[in-house]
C-alpha atoms as a PDB file:
ATOM      1  CA  MET A   1       0.000   0.000   0.000  1.00  0.00           C
ATOM      2  CA  ILE A   2       1.312   3.435  -0.914  1.00  0.00           C
ATOM      3  CA  SER A   3       1.914   5.593   2.130  1.00  0.00           C
ATOM      4  CA  ASP A   4      -0.077   8.740   2.785  1.00  0.00           C
ATOM      5  CA  ARG A   5       3.152  10.764   2.721  1.00  0.00           C
ATOM      6  CA  LEU A   6       3.979   9.490  -0.768  1.00  0.00           C
ATOM      7  CA  SER A   7       0.491  10.370  -2.016  1.00  0.00           C
ATOM      8  CA  HIS A   8       0.818  13.831  -0.458  1.00  0.00           C
ATOM      9  CA  LEU A   9       4.226  14.358  -2.096  1.00  0.00           C
ATOM     10  CA  GLN A  10       2.815  13.271  -5.451  1.00  0.00           C
ATOM     11  CA  SER A  11       0.032  15.865  -5.115  1.00  0.00           C
ATOM     12  CA  GLU A  12       2.595  18.532  -4.204  1.00  0.00           C
ATOM     13  CA  VAL A  13       4.772  17.688  -7.214  1.00  0.00           C
ATOM     14  CA  GLN A  14       1.759  17.892  -9.524  1.00  0.00           C
ATOM     15  CA  GLY A  15       0.803  21.239  -7.988  1.00  0.00           C
ATOM     16  CA  TYR A  16       4.311  22.615  -8.520  1.00  0.00           C
ATOM     17  CA  TYR A  17       4.242  21.514 -12.160  1.00  0.00           C
ATOM     18  CA  ARG A  18       0.889  23.256 -12.668  1.00  0.00           C
ATOM     19  CA  GLN A  19       2.266  26.443 -11.076  1.00  0.00           C
ATOM     20  CA  LEU A  20       5.408  26.202 -13.175  1.00  0.00           C
ATOM     21  CA  ALA A  21       3.412  25.778 -16.383  1.00  0.00           C
ATOM     22  CA  GLY A  22       1.302  28.815 -15.465  1.00  0.00           C
ATOM     23  CA  ARG A  23       4.341  30.987 -14.744  1.00  0.00           C
ATOM     24  CA  GLU A  24       6.078  29.893 -17.961  1.00  0.00           C
ATOM     25  CA  LYS A  25       2.967  30.687 -19.991  1.00  0.00           C
ATOM     26  CA  ALA A  26       2.655  34.051 -18.244  1.00  0.00           C
ATOM     27  CA  LYS A  27       6.301  34.798 -19.062  1.00  0.00           C
ATOM     28  CA  ARG A  28       5.759  34.031 -22.752  1.00  0.00           C
ATOM     29  CA  LEU A  29       2.774  36.397 -22.846  1.00  0.00           C
ATOM     30  CA  ALA A  30       4.200  39.091 -20.537  1.00  0.00           C
ATOM     31  CA  ARG A  31       5.568  42.487 -21.379  1.00  0.00           C
ATOM     32  CA  PHE A  32       9.349  42.675 -21.587  1.00  0.00           C
ATOM     33  CA  GLU A  33       9.713  44.515 -18.261  1.00  0.00           C
ATOM     34  CA  ASP A  34       7.759  41.803 -16.395  1.00  0.00           C
ATOM     35  CA  LYS A  35       9.711  38.855 -17.788  1.00  0.00           C
ATOM     36  CA  GLU A  36      12.625  39.135 -15.337  1.00  0.00           C
ATOM     37  CA  LEU A  37      10.323  38.975 -12.303  1.00  0.00           C
ATOM     38  CA  LEU A  38       8.498  35.980 -13.775  1.00  0.00           C
ATOM     39  CA  GLN A  39      11.833  34.255 -14.475  1.00  0.00           C
ATOM     40  CA  GLN A  40      12.827  34.735 -10.821  1.00  0.00           C
ATOM     41  CA  GLN A  41       9.532  33.188  -9.751  1.00  0.00           C
ATOM     42  CA  ILE A  42      10.103  30.275 -12.141  1.00  0.00           C
ATOM     43  CA  ASP A  43      13.605  29.714 -10.755  1.00  0.00           C
ATOM     44  CA  GLU A  44      12.276  29.725  -7.177  1.00  0.00           C
ATOM     45  CA  LEU A  45       9.511  27.278  -8.089  1.00  0.00           C
ATOM     46  CA  LYS A  46      12.060  24.958  -9.710  1.00  0.00           C
ATOM     47  CA  LYS A  47      14.157  24.951  -6.527  1.00  0.00           C
ATOM     48  CA  GLU A  48      11.137  24.118  -4.382  1.00  0.00           C
ATOM     49  CA  LEU A  49       9.996  21.483  -6.881  1.00  0.00           C
ATOM     50  CA  GLY A  50      13.451  19.902  -6.878  1.00  0.00           C
ATOM     51  CA  SER A  51      13.480  19.409  -3.113  1.00  0.00           C
ATOM     52  CA  VAL A  52       9.967  17.918  -3.103  1.00  0.00           C
ATOM     53  CA  GLU A  53      10.805  15.620  -6.030  1.00  0.00           C
ATOM     54  CA  ARG A  54      13.958  14.372  -4.280  1.00  0.00           C
ATOM     55  CA  GLU A  55      11.936  13.413  -1.212  1.00  0.00           C
ATOM     56  CA  TYR A  56       9.259  11.857  -3.443  1.00  0.00           C
ATOM     57  CA  TRP A  57      11.768   9.597  -5.209  1.00  0.00           C
ATOM     58  CA  ARG A  58      13.489   8.695  -1.891  1.00  0.00           C
ATOM     59  CA  ARG A  59      10.100   7.593  -0.548  1.00  0.00           C
ATOM     60  CA  TRP A  60       9.414   5.588  -3.709  1.00  0.00           C
ATOM     61  CA  ARG A  61      12.761   3.783  -3.394  1.00  0.00           C
ATOM     62  CA  ALA A  62      12.074   2.986   0.246  1.00  0.00           C
ATOM     63  CA  GLU A  63       8.596   1.646  -0.478  1.00  0.00           C
ATOM     64  CA  ILE A  64       9.723  -0.410  -3.453  1.00  0.00           C
ATOM     65  CA  ALA A  65      12.592  -1.884  -1.437  1.00  0.00           C
ATOM     66  CA  GLY A  66      10.099  -3.045   1.191  1.00  0.00           C
ATOM     67  CA  LEU A  67       7.636  -4.453  -1.340  1.00  0.00           C
ATOM     68  CA  THR A  68       7.176  -8.198  -1.397  1.00  0.00           C
ATOM     69  CA  ILE A  69       5.066 -10.022  -3.937  1.00  0.00           C
ATOM     70  CA  PRO A  70       3.766 -13.499  -3.169  1.00  0.00           C
ATOM     71  CA  GLU A  71       5.315 -16.076  -5.499  1.00  0.00           C
ATOM     72  CA  ALA A  72       1.924 -17.238  -6.782  1.00  0.00           C
ATOM     73  CA  ASP A  73       1.003 -13.690  -7.834  1.00  0.00           C
ATOM     74  CA  ALA A  74       4.447 -13.162  -9.365  1.00  0.00           C
ATOM     75  CA  GLU A  75       4.048 -16.340 -11.433  1.00  0.00           C
ATOM     76  CA  ILE A  76       0.667 -15.147 -12.740  1.00  0.00           C
ATOM     77  CA  VAL A  77       2.127 -11.775 -13.733  1.00  0.00           C
ATOM     78  CA  ALA A  78       5.152 -13.436 -15.362  1.00  0.00           C
ATOM     79  CA  SER A  79       2.942 -15.720 -17.445  1.00  0.00           C
ATOM     80  CA  GLN A  80       0.830 -12.732 -18.512  1.00  0.00           C
ATOM     81  CA  LEU A  81       4.004 -10.839 -19.449  1.00  0.00           C
ATOM     82  CA  VAL A  82       5.146 -13.764 -21.586  1.00  0.00           C
ATOM     83  CA  ARG A  83       1.822 -13.756 -23.440  1.00  0.00           C
ATOM     84  CA  GLU A  84       1.962  -9.966 -23.907  1.00  0.00           C
ATOM     85  CA  VAL A  85       5.557 -10.058 -25.212  1.00  0.00           C
ATOM     86  CA  GLU A  86       4.691 -12.868 -27.605  1.00  0.00           C
ATOM     87  CA  SER A  87       1.713 -10.897 -28.947  1.00  0.00           C
ATOM     88  CA  LEU A  88       3.711  -7.717 -29.655  1.00  0.00           C
ATOM     89  CA  GLU A  89       4.182  -7.013 -33.329  1.00  0.00           C
ATOM     90  CA  ILE A  90       7.828  -6.449 -34.159  1.00  0.00           C
ATOM     91  CA  GLU A  91       8.621  -4.119 -37.051  1.00  0.00           C
ATOM     92  CA  PRO A  92      10.363  -5.644 -40.118  1.00  0.00           C
ATOM     93  CA  ALA A  93      13.520  -3.591 -39.501  1.00  0.00           C
ATOM     94  CA  VAL A  94      13.791  -5.008 -35.994  1.00  0.00           C
ATOM     95  CA  GLN A  95      13.128  -8.561 -37.237  1.00  0.00           C
ATOM     96  CA  SER A  96      16.218  -8.389 -39.423  1.00  0.00           C
ATOM     97  CA  ASN A  97      18.420  -7.735 -36.395  1.00  0.00           C
ATOM     98  CA  ALA A  98      19.415 -11.267 -35.410  1.00  0.00           C
ATOM     99  CA  GLU A  99      21.131 -10.133 -32.205  1.00  0.00           C
ATOM    100  CA  LEU A 100      18.030  -8.413 -30.923  1.00  0.00           C
ATOM    101  CA  MET A 101      15.871 -11.401 -31.776  1.00  0.00           C
ATOM    102  CA  LYS A 102      18.315 -13.676 -29.963  1.00  0.00           C
ATOM    103  CA  ALA A 103      18.161 -11.450 -26.877  1.00  0.00           C
ATOM    104  CA  LEU A 104      14.360 -11.465 -26.972  1.00  0.00           C
ATOM    105  CA  GLN A 105      14.357 -15.262 -27.256  1.00  0.00           C
ATOM    106  CA  GLU A 106      16.690 -15.492 -24.236  1.00  0.00           C
ATOM    107  CA  ILE A 107      14.391 -13.263 -22.218  1.00  0.00           C
ATOM    108  CA  LYS A 108      11.407 -15.361 -23.251  1.00  0.00           C
ATOM    109  CA  ALA A 109      13.268 -18.553 -22.307  1.00  0.00           C
ATOM    110  CA  GLU A 110      14.182 -17.135 -18.895  1.00  0.00           C
ATOM    111  CA  LEU A 111      10.599 -16.065 -18.244  1.00  0.00           C
ATOM    112  CA  SER A 112       9.364 -19.513 -19.214  1.00  0.00           C
ATOM    113  CA  LYS A 113      11.753 -21.491 -16.982  1.00  0.00           C
ATOM    114  CA  PRO A 114       9.952 -23.447 -14.277  1.00  0.00           C
ATOM    115  CA  GLY A 115      11.320 -23.500 -10.734  1.00  0.00           C
ATOM    116  CA  ILE A 116      12.970 -20.078 -10.808  1.00  0.00           C
ATOM    117  CA  PRO A 117      11.113 -17.385  -8.835  1.00  0.00           C
ATOM    118  CA  ALA A 118       9.328 -15.026 -11.204  1.00  0.00           C
ATOM    119  CA  ALA A 119      10.556 -12.033  -9.237  1.00  0.00           C
ATOM    120  CA  GLY A 120      14.122 -12.772 -10.379  1.00  0.00           C
ATOM    121  CA  LYS A 121      13.414 -13.398 -14.065  1.00  0.00           C
ATOM    122  CA  LEU A 122      12.940  -9.976 -15.647  1.00  0.00           C
ATOM    123  CA  LYS A 123      16.057  -8.300 -17.079  1.00  0.00           C
ATOM    124  CA  ALA A 124      16.377  -5.797 -19.894  1.00  0.00           C
ATOM    125  CA  ALA A 125      19.205  -5.129 -22.340  1.00  0.00           C
ATOM    126  CA  ILE A 126      19.014  -2.665 -25.214  1.00  0.00           C
ATOM    127  CA  PRO A 127      21.677  -2.849 -27.935  1.00  0.00           C
ATOM    128  CA  LEU A 128      22.616   0.761 -28.613  1.00  0.00           C
ATOM    129  CA  LEU A 129      25.117  -0.134 -31.330  1.00  0.00           C
ATOM    130  CA  PRO A 130      24.604  -3.831 -32.120  1.00  0.00           C
ATOM    131  CA  GLY A 131      27.757  -5.804 -31.560  1.00  0.00           C
ATOM    132  CA  VAL A 132      29.511  -2.822 -29.973  1.00  0.00           C
ATOM    133  CA  ILE A 133      27.611  -1.501 -26.983  1.00  0.00           C
ATOM    134  CA  SER A 134      24.435  -2.373 -25.146  1.00  0.00           C
ATOM    135  CA  TYR A 135      22.611  -0.876 -22.197  1.00  0.00           C
ATOM    136  CA  GLU A 136      21.501  -3.235 -19.440  1.00  0.00           C
ATOM    137  CA  MET A 137      19.033  -2.129 -16.786  1.00  0.00           C
ATOM    138  CA  GLU A 138      16.409  -3.024 -14.259  1.00  0.00           C
ATOM    139  CA  LEU A 139      13.151  -1.394 -15.189  1.00  0.00           C
ATOM    140  CA  ASP A 140      10.927   0.501 -12.800  1.00  0.00           C
ATOM    141  CA  THR A 141       8.768   2.289 -15.304  1.00  0.00           C
ATOM    142  CA  GLU A 142       5.163   2.199 -14.253  1.00  0.00           C
ATOM    143  CA  GLY A 143       4.055   4.326 -17.194  1.00  0.00           C
ATOM    144  CA  LEU A 144       5.583   1.943 -19.739  1.00  0.00           C
ATOM    145  CA  LEU A 145       3.978  -1.024 -18.043  1.00  0.00           C
ATOM    146  CA  ARG A 146       0.606   0.717 -17.964  1.00  0.00           C
ATOM    147  CA  ARG A 147       0.733   1.272 -21.734  1.00  0.00           C
ATOM    148  CA  VAL A 148       2.230  -2.053 -22.791  1.00  0.00           C
ATOM    149  CA  PHE A 149       1.115  -4.528 -20.122  1.00  0.00           C
ATOM    150  CA  PRO A 150      -2.362  -3.681 -18.831  1.00  0.00           C
ATOM    151  CA  THR A 151      -2.559  -7.002 -16.950  1.00  0.00           C
ATOM    152  CA  PHE A 152       0.466  -6.032 -14.877  1.00  0.00           C
ATOM    153  CA  CYS A 153      -1.183  -2.715 -14.041  1.00  0.00           C
ATOM    154  CA  LYS A 154      -4.290  -4.468 -12.750  1.00  0.00           C
ATOM    155  CA  PHE A 155      -2.050  -6.575 -10.530  1.00  0.00           C
ATOM    156  CA  ALA A 156      -0.185  -3.475  -9.290  1.00  0.00           C
ATOM    157  CA  GLU A 157      -3.476  -1.783  -8.413  1.00  0.00           C
ATOM    158  CA  LYS A 158      -4.433  -4.913  -6.456  1.00  0.00           C
ATOM    159  CA  ILE A 159      -1.195  -4.620  -4.425  1.00  0.00           C
ATOM    160  CA  LYS A 160      -1.801  -0.921  -3.640  1.00  0.00           C
ATOM    161  CA  LYS A 161      -5.118  -1.724  -1.958  1.00  0.00           C
END
């Protein structure tokens, strides 16, 4: 369950962004002599926003670190992810990249392995220059998951409650 403090910080961050957008719009429409004052207000808002955002992301890290998902639920999500990944249409240009296809097959194979906890199966690697450099990461991108894997989002909402 998301803490009340985290929800409050999220509301504050959204409020700061609305204020910032309003000030930036006002600056674009303002007379020349008023632009400096508006820029000072924008700078001050950005400082305040930065401190609130830092606390927000610290809270997120702390809550995620303490999050545990029952193995049965993790297995259900992993199987849904496998089905979603299999159903994605891959563009012809991407299909010709044998390295990328091999990496996707390895990910699929890892997700399909029985006996390994689902929580430890998901890894991501993006070849920036195939054969030369790749970027490996652990993903914590709720927005991406909401767009691409709606089943995962339903599960995440279930955990929040």
